[in-house]
């Protein structure tokens, strides 16, 4: 187990190193510099800015300085947000993204599993067809379309919610729906298909033959195996939701990571782009890491076995 965790940790570090290197050189490959758009900046000031951010140094020296700063967890200063470090911007904006993301994750898991379970129990009946219709629509409708429609009808027309911001608990309703519909649809379809297989398995028939109650069979025997595909999906979904939806945060005026990432790209704020990209990747890899461990803990058939001097999860 220890070797498996160590190997996964090394893989995460190496992946982040490759991503940081690729991001750095891609940023440097863009013609010009972040200060070219500033038409009213005197040449002397512009030269001082270039010198301050190290753009006057050779590329290899800039790269080494960048790596050295990363080792010390220094993501640098933002080039557009005055007197603010990239780490402070991420920490501040991630608070909003995390609050909204956690609510959306809980709603997605609870509602998605409930819909999928009900659809499996009422297979080929009207409620099953309605659930699958909802899942299909949930996958088909982009979140920026859904978010805009929700904002227009429930905030602008009916005045039931605020148009933008996260100043009140009710402000979470609309962006949570916009963020949750797609994951709910995926989880519902996964749960339904897996539960249909599980409920028709021999050990379920055996349990019924022994006279075990339907509710006990469902909770103790069926759900545990039926939720394994959902667990594998929840990891990446968690990372994507928590790190913030760029579009949804922009629509509802939420100062989360997505909003700052959009601003950094449009403003060519190199340090902020690279910092948020690395942060996104780190959260995603960490979520996958936790998913692998959770998968092995939920399913006893999956063990951490040694292979080639390391270990991995296998069935």
C-alpha atoms as a PDB file:
ATOM      1  CA  UNK A   1       0.000   0.000   0.000  1.00  0.00           C
ATOM      2  CA  UNK A   2       2.791   2.411   0.923  1.00  0.00           C
ATOM      3  CA  UNK A   3       4.651   1.700  -2.326  1.00  0.00           C
ATOM      4  CA  UNK A   4       1.445   2.205  -4.291  1.00  0.00           C
ATOM      5  CA  UNK A   5       0.850   5.594  -2.664  1.00  0.00           C
ATOM      6  CA  UNK A   6       4.495   6.564  -3.193  1.00  0.00           C
ATOM      7  CA  UNK A   7       4.330   5.603  -6.862  1.00  0.00           C
ATOM      8  CA  UNK A   8       1.126   7.568  -7.404  1.00  0.00           C
ATOM      9  CA  UNK A   9       2.661  10.596  -5.650  1.00  0.00           C
ATOM     10  CA  UNK A  10       5.761  10.469  -7.857  1.00  0.00           C
ATOM     11  CA  UNK A  11       3.546  10.200 -10.951  1.00  0.00           C
ATOM     12  CA  UNK A  12       1.568  13.263  -9.855  1.00  0.00           C
ATOM     13  CA  UNK A  13       4.750  15.281  -9.263  1.00  0.00           C
ATOM     14  CA  UNK A  14       6.197  14.269 -12.649  1.00  0.00           C
ATOM     15  CA  UNK A  15       2.942  15.076 -14.429  1.00  0.00           C
ATOM     16  CA  UNK A  16       2.823  18.503 -12.810  1.00  0.00           C
ATOM     17  CA  UNK A  17       6.440  19.114 -13.839  1.00  0.00           C
ATOM     18  CA  UNK A  18       5.680  18.242 -17.474  1.00  0.00           C
ATOM     19  CA  UNK A  19       2.555  20.409 -17.410  1.00  0.00           C
ATOM     20  CA  UNK A  20       4.422  23.347 -15.843  1.00  0.00           C
ATOM     21  CA  UNK A  21       7.151  23.084 -18.486  1.00  0.00           C
ATOM     22  CA  UNK A  22       4.689  22.847 -21.368  1.00  0.00           C
ATOM     23  CA  UNK A  23       2.624  25.765 -20.043  1.00  0.00           C
ATOM     24  CA  UNK A  24       5.736  27.929 -19.594  1.00  0.00           C
ATOM     25  CA  UNK A  25       7.013  27.431 -23.134  1.00  0.00           C
ATOM     26  CA  UNK A  26       3.551  27.795 -24.658  1.00  0.00           C
ATOM     27  CA  UNK A  27       3.198  31.158 -22.919  1.00  0.00           C
ATOM     28  CA  UNK A  28       6.613  32.215 -24.194  1.00  0.00           C
ATOM     29  CA  UNK A  29       5.722  31.099 -27.737  1.00  0.00           C
ATOM     30  CA  UNK A  30       2.969  33.724 -27.911  1.00  0.00           C
ATOM     31  CA  UNK A  31       4.264  36.764 -29.849  1.00  0.00           C
ATOM     32  CA  UNK A  32       4.791  39.972 -27.894  1.00  0.00           C
ATOM     33  CA  UNK A  33       4.479  40.446 -24.154  1.00  0.00           C
ATOM     34  CA  UNK A  34       1.615  41.156 -21.714  1.00  0.00           C
ATOM     35  CA  UNK A  35       2.311  44.915 -21.775  1.00  0.00           C
ATOM     36  CA  UNK A  36       1.862  45.442 -25.517  1.00  0.00           C
ATOM     37  CA  UNK A  37      -1.847  46.216 -25.009  1.00  0.00           C
ATOM     38  CA  UNK A  38      -1.008  49.120 -22.690  1.00  0.00           C
ATOM     39  CA  UNK A  39      -0.955  51.962 -25.210  1.00  0.00           C
ATOM     40  CA  UNK A  40      -0.618  54.775 -22.668  1.00  0.00           C
ATOM     41  CA  UNK A  41       2.338  53.304 -20.796  1.00  0.00           C
ATOM     42  CA  UNK A  42       5.563  55.271 -21.397  1.00  0.00           C
ATOM     43  CA  UNK A  43       8.456  53.320 -22.846  1.00  0.00           C
ATOM     44  CA  UNK A  44      10.485  53.743 -19.654  1.00  0.00           C
ATOM     45  CA  UNK A  45       7.708  52.258 -17.521  1.00  0.00           C
ATOM     46  CA  UNK A  46       7.215  49.405 -19.973  1.00  0.00           C
ATOM     47  CA  UNK A  47      10.939  48.617 -19.920  1.00  0.00           C
ATOM     48  CA  UNK A  48      10.905  48.608 -16.130  1.00  0.00           C
ATOM     49  CA  UNK A  49       7.941  46.211 -16.126  1.00  0.00           C
ATOM     50  CA  UNK A  50       9.716  43.880 -18.532  1.00  0.00           C
ATOM     51  CA  UNK A  51      12.795  43.976 -16.319  1.00  0.00           C
ATOM     52  CA  UNK A  52      10.749  43.459 -13.135  1.00  0.00           C
ATOM     53  CA  UNK A  53       9.091  40.293 -14.489  1.00  0.00           C
ATOM     54  CA  UNK A  54      12.376  39.040 -15.959  1.00  0.00           C
ATOM     55  CA  UNK A  55      11.335  39.125 -19.624  1.00  0.00           C
ATOM     56  CA  UNK A  56      14.686  40.692 -20.541  1.00  0.00           C
ATOM     57  CA  UNK A  57      16.588  37.558 -19.482  1.00  0.00           C
ATOM     58  CA  UNK A  58      17.381  34.588 -21.747  1.00  0.00           C
ATOM     59  CA  UNK A  59      14.588  32.021 -22.025  1.00  0.00           C
ATOM     60  CA  UNK A  60      16.541  29.273 -20.261  1.00  0.00           C
ATOM     61  CA  UNK A  61      17.243  31.591 -17.330  1.00  0.00           C
ATOM     62  CA  UNK A  62      13.559  32.547 -17.092  1.00  0.00           C
ATOM     63  CA  UNK A  63      12.689  28.843 -17.072  1.00  0.00           C
ATOM     64  CA  UNK A  64      15.122  28.031 -14.276  1.00  0.00           C
ATOM     65  CA  UNK A  65      13.839  30.945 -12.193  1.00  0.00           C
ATOM     66  CA  UNK A  66      10.279  29.745 -12.812  1.00  0.00           C
ATOM     67  CA  UNK A  67      11.100  26.193 -11.689  1.00  0.00           C
ATOM     68  CA  UNK A  68      12.968  27.449  -8.638  1.00  0.00           C
ATOM     69  CA  UNK A  69       9.966  29.550  -7.636  1.00  0.00           C
ATOM     70  CA  UNK A  70       7.647  26.569  -8.116  1.00  0.00           C
ATOM     71  CA  UNK A  71       9.798  24.427  -5.848  1.00  0.00           C
ATOM     72  CA  UNK A  72       9.320  27.088  -3.181  1.00  0.00           C
ATOM     73  CA  UNK A  73       5.552  27.229  -3.956  1.00  0.00           C
ATOM     74  CA  UNK A  74       5.922  30.762  -5.301  1.00  0.00           C
ATOM     75  CA  UNK A  75       3.624  31.290  -8.304  1.00  0.00           C
ATOM     76  CA  UNK A  76       4.759  34.873  -8.767  1.00  0.00           C
ATOM     77  CA  UNK A  77       2.929  38.191  -8.955  1.00  0.00           C
ATOM     78  CA  UNK A  78      -0.056  38.837 -11.166  1.00  0.00           C
ATOM     79  CA  UNK A  79       0.722  41.094 -14.126  1.00  0.00           C
ATOM     80  CA  UNK A  80      -2.718  42.724 -14.126  1.00  0.00           C
ATOM     81  CA  UNK A  81      -4.061  42.519 -10.568  1.00  0.00           C
ATOM     82  CA  UNK A  82      -1.934  45.166  -8.877  1.00  0.00           C
ATOM     83  CA  UNK A  83       0.097  44.169  -5.818  1.00  0.00           C
ATOM     84  CA  UNK A  84      -1.501  40.734  -5.690  1.00  0.00           C
ATOM     85  CA  UNK A  85       0.321  37.431  -5.844  1.00  0.00           C
ATOM     86  CA  UNK A  86      -1.077  34.558  -7.884  1.00  0.00           C
ATOM     87  CA  UNK A  87      -1.255  32.416  -4.742  1.00  0.00           C
ATOM     88  CA  UNK A  88      -3.431  35.012  -2.969  1.00  0.00           C
ATOM     89  CA  UNK A  89      -5.765  35.307  -5.965  1.00  0.00           C
ATOM     90  CA  UNK A  90      -6.146  31.515  -6.178  1.00  0.00           C
ATOM     91  CA  UNK A  91      -6.714  31.165  -2.435  1.00  0.00           C
ATOM     92  CA  UNK A  92      -9.334  33.924  -2.398  1.00  0.00           C
ATOM     93  CA  UNK A  93     -11.204  32.878  -5.548  1.00  0.00           C
ATOM     94  CA  UNK A  94     -11.031  29.160  -4.756  1.00  0.00           C
ATOM     95  CA  UNK A  95     -13.091  29.811  -1.631  1.00  0.00           C
ATOM     96  CA  UNK A  96     -16.093  30.780  -3.760  1.00  0.00           C
ATOM     97  CA  UNK A  97     -15.530  27.968  -6.259  1.00  0.00           C
ATOM     98  CA  UNK A  98     -15.198  25.408  -3.470  1.00  0.00           C
ATOM     99  CA  UNK A  99     -18.368  26.545  -1.666  1.00  0.00           C
ATOM    100  CA  UNK A 100     -20.416  26.387  -4.828  1.00  0.00           C
ATOM    101  CA  UNK A 101     -18.681  23.204  -5.969  1.00  0.00           C
ATOM    102  CA  UNK A 102     -19.319  21.272  -2.749  1.00  0.00           C
ATOM    103  CA  UNK A 103     -23.028  22.099  -2.857  1.00  0.00           C
ATOM    104  CA  UNK A 104     -23.183  21.061  -6.524  1.00  0.00           C
ATOM    105  CA  UNK A 105     -21.323  17.799  -5.811  1.00  0.00           C
ATOM    106  CA  UNK A 106     -23.662  16.772  -2.990  1.00  0.00           C
ATOM    107  CA  UNK A 107     -26.723  17.607  -5.095  1.00  0.00           C
ATOM    108  CA  UNK A 108     -25.296  15.760  -8.113  1.00  0.00           C
ATOM    109  CA  UNK A 109     -24.497  12.581  -6.197  1.00  0.00           C
ATOM    110  CA  UNK A 110     -27.712  12.412  -4.147  1.00  0.00           C
ATOM    111  CA  UNK A 111     -30.111  13.325  -6.943  1.00  0.00           C
ATOM    112  CA  UNK A 112     -28.244  11.367  -9.636  1.00  0.00           C
ATOM    113  CA  UNK A 113     -28.140   8.136  -7.609  1.00  0.00           C
ATOM    114  CA  UNK A 114     -31.780   8.547  -6.558  1.00  0.00           C
ATOM    115  CA  UNK A 115     -32.959   9.018 -10.154  1.00  0.00           C
ATOM    116  CA  UNK A 116     -30.849   6.125 -11.438  1.00  0.00           C
ATOM    117  CA  UNK A 117     -32.009   3.830  -8.649  1.00  0.00           C
ATOM    118  CA  UNK A 118     -35.689   4.639  -9.162  1.00  0.00           C
ATOM    119  CA  UNK A 119     -35.311   4.155 -12.916  1.00  0.00           C
ATOM    120  CA  UNK A 120     -33.729   0.712 -12.368  1.00  0.00           C
ATOM    121  CA  UNK A 121     -36.408  -0.376  -9.888  1.00  0.00           C
ATOM    122  CA  UNK A 122     -39.172   0.699 -12.295  1.00  0.00           C
ATOM    123  CA  UNK A 123     -37.436  -0.577 -15.416  1.00  0.00           C
ATOM    124  CA  UNK A 124     -39.407  -0.055 -18.666  1.00  0.00           C
ATOM    125  CA  UNK A 125     -42.173   1.772 -16.862  1.00  0.00           C
ATOM    126  CA  UNK A 126     -43.221   5.382 -17.307  1.00  0.00           C
ATOM    127  CA  UNK A 127     -41.049   6.671 -14.469  1.00  0.00           C
ATOM    128  CA  UNK A 128     -38.022   4.948 -16.031  1.00  0.00           C
ATOM    129  CA  UNK A 129     -38.683   6.585 -19.385  1.00  0.00           C
ATOM    130  CA  UNK A 130     -39.144  10.011 -17.783  1.00  0.00           C
ATOM    131  CA  UNK A 131     -35.893   9.620 -15.833  1.00  0.00           C
ATOM    132  CA  UNK A 132     -33.948   8.694 -18.973  1.00  0.00           C
ATOM    133  CA  UNK A 133     -35.546  11.578 -20.859  1.00  0.00           C
ATOM    134  CA  UNK A 134     -34.320  13.938 -18.145  1.00  0.00           C
ATOM    135  CA  UNK A 135     -30.851  12.363 -18.311  1.00  0.00           C
ATOM    136  CA  UNK A 136     -30.716  12.774 -22.074  1.00  0.00           C
ATOM    137  CA  UNK A 137     -31.761  16.413 -21.880  1.00  0.00           C
ATOM    138  CA  UNK A 138     -29.292  17.020 -19.054  1.00  0.00           C
ATOM    139  CA  UNK A 139     -26.416  15.743 -21.168  1.00  0.00           C
ATOM    140  CA  UNK A 140     -27.569  17.554 -24.303  1.00  0.00           C
ATOM    141  CA  UNK A 141     -28.101  21.046 -22.843  1.00  0.00           C
ATOM    142  CA  UNK A 142     -24.828  23.009 -22.327  1.00  0.00           C
ATOM    143  CA  UNK A 143     -24.497  24.594 -18.897  1.00  0.00           C
ATOM    144  CA  UNK A 144     -24.095  28.099 -20.348  1.00  0.00           C
ATOM    145  CA  UNK A 145     -27.484  27.757 -22.085  1.00  0.00           C
ATOM    146  CA  UNK A 146     -29.121  26.358 -18.964  1.00  0.00           C
ATOM    147  CA  UNK A 147     -27.501  28.990 -16.732  1.00  0.00           C
ATOM    148  CA  UNK A 148     -28.646  31.814 -18.986  1.00  0.00           C
ATOM    149  CA  UNK A 149     -32.217  30.464 -19.131  1.00  0.00           C
ATOM    150  CA  UNK A 150     -32.371  30.032 -15.351  1.00  0.00           C
ATOM    151  CA  UNK A 151     -31.047  33.516 -14.796  1.00  0.00           C
ATOM    152  CA  UNK A 152     -33.470  35.042 -17.297  1.00  0.00           C
ATOM    153  CA  UNK A 153     -36.666  33.383 -16.044  1.00  0.00           C
ATOM    154  CA  UNK A 154     -36.078  32.918 -12.312  1.00  0.00           C
ATOM    155  CA  UNK A 155     -33.973  36.009 -11.607  1.00  0.00           C
ATOM    156  CA  UNK A 156     -34.986  38.593 -14.218  1.00  0.00           C
ATOM    157  CA  UNK A 157     -38.608  37.634 -14.914  1.00  0.00           C
ATOM    158  CA  UNK A 158     -39.925  36.070 -11.708  1.00  0.00           C
ATOM    159  CA  UNK A 159     -37.521  37.890  -9.341  1.00  0.00           C
ATOM    160  CA  UNK A 160     -37.177  34.778  -7.180  1.00  0.00           C
ATOM    161  CA  UNK A 161     -33.391  34.978  -6.923  1.00  0.00           C
ATOM    162  CA  UNK A 162     -30.628  37.537  -7.263  1.00  0.00           C
ATOM    163  CA  UNK A 163     -29.157  37.905 -10.716  1.00  0.00           C
ATOM    164  CA  UNK A 164     -25.510  37.594  -9.640  1.00  0.00           C
ATOM    165  CA  UNK A 165     -23.212  37.029  -6.681  1.00  0.00           C
ATOM    166  CA  UNK A 166     -23.085  34.665  -3.709  1.00  0.00           C
ATOM    167  CA  UNK A 167     -24.230  36.954  -0.952  1.00  0.00           C
ATOM    168  CA  UNK A 168     -27.100  34.832   0.345  1.00  0.00           C
ATOM    169  CA  UNK A 169     -27.800  31.062   0.633  1.00  0.00           C
ATOM    170  CA  UNK A 170     -30.541  31.428  -1.985  1.00  0.00           C
ATOM    171  CA  UNK A 171     -27.897  32.696  -4.427  1.00  0.00           C
ATOM    172  CA  UNK A 172     -26.507  29.154  -4.625  1.00  0.00           C
ATOM    173  CA  UNK A 173     -29.702  27.727  -6.131  1.00  0.00           C
ATOM    174  CA  UNK A 174     -29.414  28.778  -9.778  1.00  0.00           C
ATOM    175  CA  UNK A 175     -25.643  28.247 -10.290  1.00  0.00           C
ATOM    176  CA  UNK A 176     -25.893  24.925  -8.445  1.00  0.00           C
ATOM    177  CA  UNK A 177     -28.603  23.750 -10.843  1.00  0.00           C
ATOM    178  CA  UNK A 178     -26.572  24.920 -13.824  1.00  0.00           C
ATOM    179  CA  UNK A 179     -23.495  23.058 -12.548  1.00  0.00           C
ATOM    180  CA  UNK A 180     -25.325  19.913 -11.391  1.00  0.00           C
ATOM    181  CA  UNK A 181     -27.614  18.956 -14.250  1.00  0.00           C
ATOM    182  CA  UNK A 182     -24.894  17.367 -16.400  1.00  0.00           C
ATOM    183  CA  UNK A 183     -23.313  15.311 -13.551  1.00  0.00           C
ATOM    184  CA  UNK A 184     -26.788  14.290 -12.358  1.00  0.00           C
ATOM    185  CA  UNK A 185     -27.602  13.000 -15.826  1.00  0.00           C
ATOM    186  CA  UNK A 186     -24.350  11.000 -16.058  1.00  0.00           C
ATOM    187  CA  UNK A 187     -24.677   9.555 -12.564  1.00  0.00           C
ATOM    188  CA  UNK A 188     -28.327   8.625 -13.169  1.00  0.00           C
ATOM    189  CA  UNK A 189     -27.474   6.738 -16.354  1.00  0.00           C
ATOM    190  CA  UNK A 190     -24.484   5.012 -14.726  1.00  0.00           C
ATOM    191  CA  UNK A 191     -26.495   4.017 -11.668  1.00  0.00           C
ATOM    192  CA  UNK A 192     -29.424   2.728 -13.720  1.00  0.00           C
ATOM    193  CA  UNK A 193     -27.363   0.592 -16.094  1.00  0.00           C
ATOM    194  CA  UNK A 194     -25.220  -0.875 -13.319  1.00  0.00           C
ATOM    195  CA  UNK A 195     -28.137  -1.526 -10.997  1.00  0.00           C
ATOM    196  CA  UNK A 196     -30.000  -3.373 -13.766  1.00  0.00           C
ATOM    197  CA  UNK A 197     -27.041  -5.745 -14.092  1.00  0.00           C
ATOM    198  CA  UNK A 198     -26.645  -6.151 -10.347  1.00  0.00           C
ATOM    199  CA  UNK A 199     -30.347  -6.750  -9.677  1.00  0.00           C
ATOM    200  CA  UNK A 200     -30.371  -9.585 -12.205  1.00  0.00           C
ATOM    201  CA  UNK A 201     -27.233 -11.242 -10.787  1.00  0.00           C
ATOM    202  CA  UNK A 202     -27.325 -14.744  -9.268  1.00  0.00           C
ATOM    203  CA  UNK A 203     -26.397 -13.632  -5.763  1.00  0.00           C
ATOM    204  CA  UNK A 204     -29.369 -11.270  -5.702  1.00  0.00           C
ATOM    205  CA  UNK A 205     -31.675 -14.156  -6.690  1.00  0.00           C
ATOM    206  CA  UNK A 206     -30.077 -16.272  -3.975  1.00  0.00           C
ATOM    207  CA  UNK A 207     -30.669 -13.557  -1.401  1.00  0.00           C
ATOM    208  CA  UNK A 208     -34.315 -13.322  -2.454  1.00  0.00           C
ATOM    209  CA  UNK A 209     -34.655 -17.117  -2.233  1.00  0.00           C
ATOM    210  CA  UNK A 210     -33.388 -16.978   1.351  1.00  0.00           C
ATOM    211  CA  UNK A 211     -36.252 -14.649   2.207  1.00  0.00           C
ATOM    212  CA  UNK A 212     -34.130 -11.541   2.798  1.00  0.00           C
ATOM    213  CA  UNK A 213     -36.189  -8.359   2.565  1.00  0.00           C
ATOM    214  CA  UNK A 214     -36.075  -6.305  -0.622  1.00  0.00           C
ATOM    215  CA  UNK A 215     -34.820  -3.199   1.157  1.00  0.00           C
ATOM    216  CA  UNK A 216     -32.002  -5.154   2.829  1.00  0.00           C
ATOM    217  CA  UNK A 217     -30.995  -6.719  -0.491  1.00  0.00           C
ATOM    218  CA  UNK A 218     -31.003  -3.335  -2.151  1.00  0.00           C
ATOM    219  CA  UNK A 219     -28.916  -1.548   0.488  1.00  0.00           C
ATOM    220  CA  UNK A 220     -26.530  -4.311   1.585  1.00  0.00           C
ATOM    221  CA  UNK A 221     -25.962  -6.231  -1.631  1.00  0.00           C
ATOM    222  CA  UNK A 222     -27.005  -4.267  -4.682  1.00  0.00           C
ATOM    223  CA  UNK A 223     -26.022  -0.672  -3.957  1.00  0.00           C
ATOM    224  CA  UNK A 224     -22.444  -1.435  -2.964  1.00  0.00           C
ATOM    225  CA  UNK A 225     -21.623  -3.084  -6.289  1.00  0.00           C
ATOM    226  CA  UNK A 226     -23.935  -0.866  -8.278  1.00  0.00           C
ATOM    227  CA  UNK A 227     -22.184   2.329  -7.213  1.00  0.00           C
ATOM    228  CA  UNK A 228     -18.659   1.353  -8.259  1.00  0.00           C
ATOM    229  CA  UNK A 229     -18.864   3.032 -11.707  1.00  0.00           C
ATOM    230  CA  UNK A 230     -20.311   6.104 -10.015  1.00  0.00           C
ATOM    231  CA  UNK A 231     -17.309   6.277  -7.671  1.00  0.00           C
ATOM    232  CA  UNK A 232     -14.916   6.231 -10.631  1.00  0.00           C
ATOM    233  CA  UNK A 233     -16.843   9.109 -12.195  1.00  0.00           C
ATOM    234  CA  UNK A 234     -17.127  11.182  -9.017  1.00  0.00           C
ATOM    235  CA  UNK A 235     -13.372  11.855  -8.779  1.00  0.00           C
ATOM    236  CA  UNK A 236     -12.914  13.760 -12.058  1.00  0.00           C
ATOM    237  CA  UNK A 237     -16.362  15.293 -11.650  1.00  0.00           C
ATOM    238  CA  UNK A 238     -15.400  16.640  -8.228  1.00  0.00           C
ATOM    239  CA  UNK A 239     -12.257  18.261  -9.578  1.00  0.00           C
ATOM    240  CA  UNK A 240     -14.089  19.823 -12.504  1.00  0.00           C
ATOM    241  CA  UNK A 241     -16.870  21.235 -10.341  1.00  0.00           C
ATOM    242  CA  UNK A 242     -14.744  22.443  -7.417  1.00  0.00           C
ATOM    243  CA  UNK A 243     -12.228  24.227  -9.593  1.00  0.00           C
ATOM    244  CA  UNK A 244     -15.128  26.172 -10.960  1.00  0.00           C
ATOM    245  CA  UNK A 245     -17.014  26.330 -14.182  1.00  0.00           C
ATOM    246  CA  UNK A 246     -15.637  29.188 -16.224  1.00  0.00           C
ATOM    247  CA  UNK A 247     -18.942  29.858 -17.964  1.00  0.00           C
ATOM    248  CA  UNK A 248     -21.285  29.427 -15.001  1.00  0.00           C
ATOM    249  CA  UNK A 249     -19.192  31.676 -12.754  1.00  0.00           C
ATOM    250  CA  UNK A 250     -19.071  34.322 -15.456  1.00  0.00           C
ATOM    251  CA  UNK A 251     -22.850  34.176 -16.038  1.00  0.00           C
ATOM    252  CA  UNK A 252     -23.688  34.551 -12.349  1.00  0.00           C
ATOM    253  CA  UNK A 253     -20.924  37.050 -11.557  1.00  0.00           C
ATOM    254  CA  UNK A 254     -19.149  34.800  -9.056  1.00  0.00           C
ATOM    255  CA  UNK A 255     -15.568  35.748  -8.252  1.00  0.00           C
ATOM    256  CA  UNK A 256     -14.297  32.186  -8.434  1.00  0.00           C
ATOM    257  CA  UNK A 257     -11.367  30.557 -10.195  1.00  0.00           C
ATOM    258  CA  UNK A 258     -13.230  30.355 -13.490  1.00  0.00           C
ATOM    259  CA  UNK A 259     -13.821  34.085 -13.607  1.00  0.00           C
ATOM    260  CA  UNK A 260     -10.158  34.899 -12.869  1.00  0.00           C
ATOM    261  CA  UNK A 261      -8.986  32.313 -15.413  1.00  0.00           C
ATOM    262  CA  UNK A 262     -11.115  33.980 -18.082  1.00  0.00           C
ATOM    263  CA  UNK A 263      -9.753  37.402 -17.116  1.00  0.00           C
ATOM    264  CA  UNK A 264      -6.168  36.159 -17.117  1.00  0.00           C
ATOM    265  CA  UNK A 265      -6.497  34.785 -20.658  1.00  0.00           C
ATOM    266  CA  UNK A 266      -8.100  37.934 -22.056  1.00  0.00           C
ATOM    267  CA  UNK A 267      -5.525  40.140 -20.265  1.00  0.00           C
ATOM    268  CA  UNK A 268      -2.568  37.888 -21.150  1.00  0.00           C
ATOM    269  CA  UNK A 269      -1.685  37.661 -17.487  1.00  0.00           C
ATOM    270  CA  UNK A 270       0.947  34.945 -17.973  1.00  0.00           C
ATOM    271  CA  UNK A 271       1.731  34.256 -14.341  1.00  0.00           C
ATOM    272  CA  UNK A 272      -1.952  33.952 -13.408  1.00  0.00           C
ATOM    273  CA  UNK A 273      -2.669  31.650 -16.391  1.00  0.00           C
ATOM    274  CA  UNK A 274       0.201  29.342 -15.459  1.00  0.00           C
ATOM    275  CA  UNK A 275      -0.692  29.395 -11.755  1.00  0.00           C
ATOM    276  CA  UNK A 276      -4.388  28.568 -12.244  1.00  0.00           C
ATOM    277  CA  UNK A 277      -3.565  25.902 -14.855  1.00  0.00           C
ATOM    278  CA  UNK A 278      -1.230  24.162 -12.444  1.00  0.00           C
ATOM    279  CA  UNK A 279      -3.762  24.462  -9.643  1.00  0.00           C
ATOM    280  CA  UNK A 280      -6.492  22.949 -11.846  1.00  0.00           C
ATOM    281  CA  UNK A 281      -4.205  20.052 -12.720  1.00  0.00           C
ATOM    282  CA  UNK A 282      -3.158  19.456  -9.104  1.00  0.00           C
ATOM    283  CA  UNK A 283      -6.783  19.327  -7.928  1.00  0.00           C
ATOM    284  CA  UNK A 284      -7.744  16.980 -10.762  1.00  0.00           C
ATOM    285  CA  UNK A 285      -4.853  14.587 -10.068  1.00  0.00           C
ATOM    286  CA  UNK A 286      -5.488  14.621  -6.341  1.00  0.00           C
ATOM    287  CA  UNK A 287      -9.176  13.829  -6.934  1.00  0.00           C
ATOM    288  CA  UNK A 288      -8.240  10.885  -9.173  1.00  0.00           C
ATOM    289  CA  UNK A 289      -5.802   9.722  -6.519  1.00  0.00           C
ATOM    290  CA  UNK A 290      -8.526   9.734  -3.863  1.00  0.00           C
ATOM    291  CA  UNK A 291     -10.864   7.970  -6.303  1.00  0.00           C
ATOM    292  CA  UNK A 292      -8.416   5.089  -6.775  1.00  0.00           C
ATOM    293  CA  UNK A 293      -8.140   4.642  -3.016  1.00  0.00           C
ATOM    294  CA  UNK A 294     -11.918   4.874  -2.508  1.00  0.00           C
ATOM    295  CA  UNK A 295     -12.475   2.368  -5.326  1.00  0.00           C
ATOM    296  CA  UNK A 296     -10.230  -0.160  -3.626  1.00  0.00           C
ATOM    297  CA  UNK A 297     -11.833   0.400  -0.230  1.00  0.00           C
ATOM    298  CA  UNK A 298     -15.392  -0.003  -1.544  1.00  0.00           C
ATOM    299  CA  UNK A 299     -14.735  -3.135  -3.614  1.00  0.00           C
ATOM    300  CA  UNK A 300     -12.825  -5.807  -1.636  1.00  0.00           C
ATOM    301  CA  UNK A 301     -12.019  -7.610  -4.908  1.00  0.00           C
ATOM    302  CA  UNK A 302      -9.711  -4.737  -5.839  1.00  0.00           C
ATOM    303  CA  UNK A 303      -6.343  -5.005  -4.155  1.00  0.00           C
ATOM    304  CA  UNK A 304      -3.190  -2.976  -4.205  1.00  0.00           C
ATOM    305  CA  UNK A 305      -0.827  -5.534  -5.753  1.00  0.00           C
ATOM    306  CA  UNK A 306       2.843  -5.365  -6.523  1.00  0.00           C
ATOM    307  CA  UNK A 307       3.857  -5.164 -10.138  1.00  0.00           C
ATOM    308  CA  UNK A 308       7.262  -4.312 -11.539  1.00  0.00           C
ATOM    309  CA  UNK A 309       8.564  -3.000  -8.227  1.00  0.00           C
ATOM    310  CA  UNK A 310       5.497  -0.842  -7.618  1.00  0.00           C
ATOM    311  CA  UNK A 311       1.831  -1.389  -7.009  1.00  0.00           C
ATOM    312  CA  UNK A 312      -1.461  -0.616  -8.631  1.00  0.00           C
ATOM    313  CA  UNK A 313      -5.158  -1.131  -8.188  1.00  0.00           C
ATOM    314  CA  UNK A 314      -6.392  -4.167  -9.987  1.00  0.00           C
ATOM    315  CA  UNK A 315      -9.432  -6.336 -10.048  1.00  0.00           C
END
